Amino acid sequence: MREPYTNEDHHWNIRVAHDEILRRLVELDKPWWDRAVLAFLHHEKKMSQAEI
């Protein structure tokens, strides 16, 4: 199994403390299509759809 992902493993200009969201940002080709990632970015990071 791979070591836990860090914020340096993804290209987004945000810090992510949630392991599952961090994993999805790194592993998915289009993480913004993932419902959990979209909810996190929109509600917790207050990003608009245009920013995402």
C-alpha atoms as a PDB file:
ATOM      1  CA  MET A   1       0.000   0.000   0.000  1.00  0.00           C
ATOM      2  CA  ARG A   2       1.170   3.512  -0.797  1.00  0.00           C
ATOM      3  CA  GLU A   3       2.137   5.962   1.920  1.00  0.00           C
ATOM      4  CA  PRO A   4      -0.598   8.453   2.818  1.00  0.00           C
ATOM      5  CA  TYR A   5      -0.937  11.286   0.333  1.00  0.00           C
ATOM      6  CA  THR A   6       0.144  14.811   1.218  1.00  0.00           C
ATOM      7  CA  ASN A   7      -0.937  18.195  -0.094  1.00  0.00           C
ATOM      8  CA  GLU A   8       2.147  18.228  -2.311  1.00  0.00           C
ATOM      9  CA  ASP A   9       0.750  15.245  -4.251  1.00  0.00           C
ATOM     10  CA  HIS A  10      -2.047  17.219  -5.928  1.00  0.00           C
ATOM     11  CA  HIS A  11      -1.980  20.314  -8.165  1.00  0.00           C
ATOM     12  CA  TRP A  12      -4.800  22.230  -6.467  1.00  0.00           C
ATOM     13  CA  ASN A  13      -3.854  25.455  -4.688  1.00  0.00           C
ATOM     14  CA  ILE A  14      -5.593  24.423  -1.449  1.00  0.00           C
ATOM     15  CA  ARG A  15      -4.716  22.603   1.763  1.00  0.00           C
ATOM     16  CA  VAL A  16      -6.764  19.458   2.454  1.00  0.00           C
ATOM     17  CA  ALA A  17      -6.920  17.876   5.903  1.00  0.00           C
ATOM     18  CA  HIS A  18      -9.396  15.106   4.980  1.00  0.00           C
ATOM     19  CA  ASP A  19      -7.575  11.916   3.944  1.00  0.00           C
ATOM     20  CA  GLU A  20     -10.388  10.639   1.720  1.00  0.00           C
ATOM     21  CA  ILE A  21     -10.778  13.930  -0.172  1.00  0.00           C
ATOM     22  CA  LEU A  22      -7.006  14.187  -0.520  1.00  0.00           C
ATOM     23  CA  ARG A  23      -6.871  10.651  -1.933  1.00  0.00           C
ATOM     24  CA  ARG A  24      -9.586  11.450  -4.461  1.00  0.00           C
ATOM     25  CA  LEU A  25      -7.876  14.692  -5.553  1.00  0.00           C
ATOM     26  CA  VAL A  26      -4.693  12.728  -6.250  1.00  0.00           C
ATOM     27  CA  GLU A  27      -6.097   9.523  -7.758  1.00  0.00           C
ATOM     28  CA  LEU A  28      -9.067  10.641  -9.852  1.00  0.00           C
ATOM     29  CA  ASP A  29      -8.524  11.995 -13.389  1.00  0.00           C
ATOM     30  CA  LYS A  30     -11.380  14.479 -12.945  1.00  0.00           C
ATOM     31  CA  PRO A  31     -11.902  14.850  -9.196  1.00  0.00           C
ATOM     32  CA  TRP A  32     -14.315  17.762  -9.635  1.00  0.00           C
ATOM     33  CA  TRP A  33     -16.848  15.247 -11.000  1.00  0.00           C
ATOM     34  CA  ASP A  34     -16.770  13.339  -7.707  1.00  0.00           C
ATOM     35  CA  ARG A  35     -19.708  14.288  -5.476  1.00  0.00           C
ATOM     36  CA  ALA A  36     -17.668  14.243  -2.239  1.00  0.00           C
ATOM     37  CA  VAL A  37     -14.851  16.350  -3.715  1.00  0.00           C
ATOM     38  CA  LEU A  38     -17.313  18.830  -5.207  1.00  0.00           C
ATOM     39  CA  ALA A  39     -19.144  19.192  -1.886  1.00  0.00           C
ATOM     40  CA  PHE A  40     -15.840  19.686  -0.051  1.00  0.00           C
ATOM     41  CA  LEU A  41     -14.571  22.335  -2.470  1.00  0.00           C
ATOM     42  CA  HIS A  42     -17.875  24.174  -2.583  1.00  0.00           C
ATOM     43  CA  HIS A  43     -18.922  24.052   1.079  1.00  0.00           C
ATOM     44  CA  GLU A  44     -15.698  23.856   3.073  1.00  0.00           C
ATOM     45  CA  LYS A  45     -13.371  25.813   0.787  1.00  0.00           C
ATOM     46  CA  LYS A  46     -16.115  28.195  -0.414  1.00  0.00           C
ATOM     47  CA  MET A  47     -15.045  27.795  -4.052  1.00  0.00           C
ATOM     48  CA  SER A  48     -17.456  28.719  -6.816  1.00  0.00           C
ATOM     49  CA  GLN A  49     -18.101  26.365  -9.710  1.00  0.00           C
ATOM     50  CA  ALA A  50     -16.058  28.690 -11.925  1.00  0.00           C
ATOM     51  CA  GLU A  51     -13.068  28.381  -9.562  1.00  0.00           C
ATOM     52  CA  ILE A  52     -13.411  24.603  -9.426  1.00  0.00           C
END
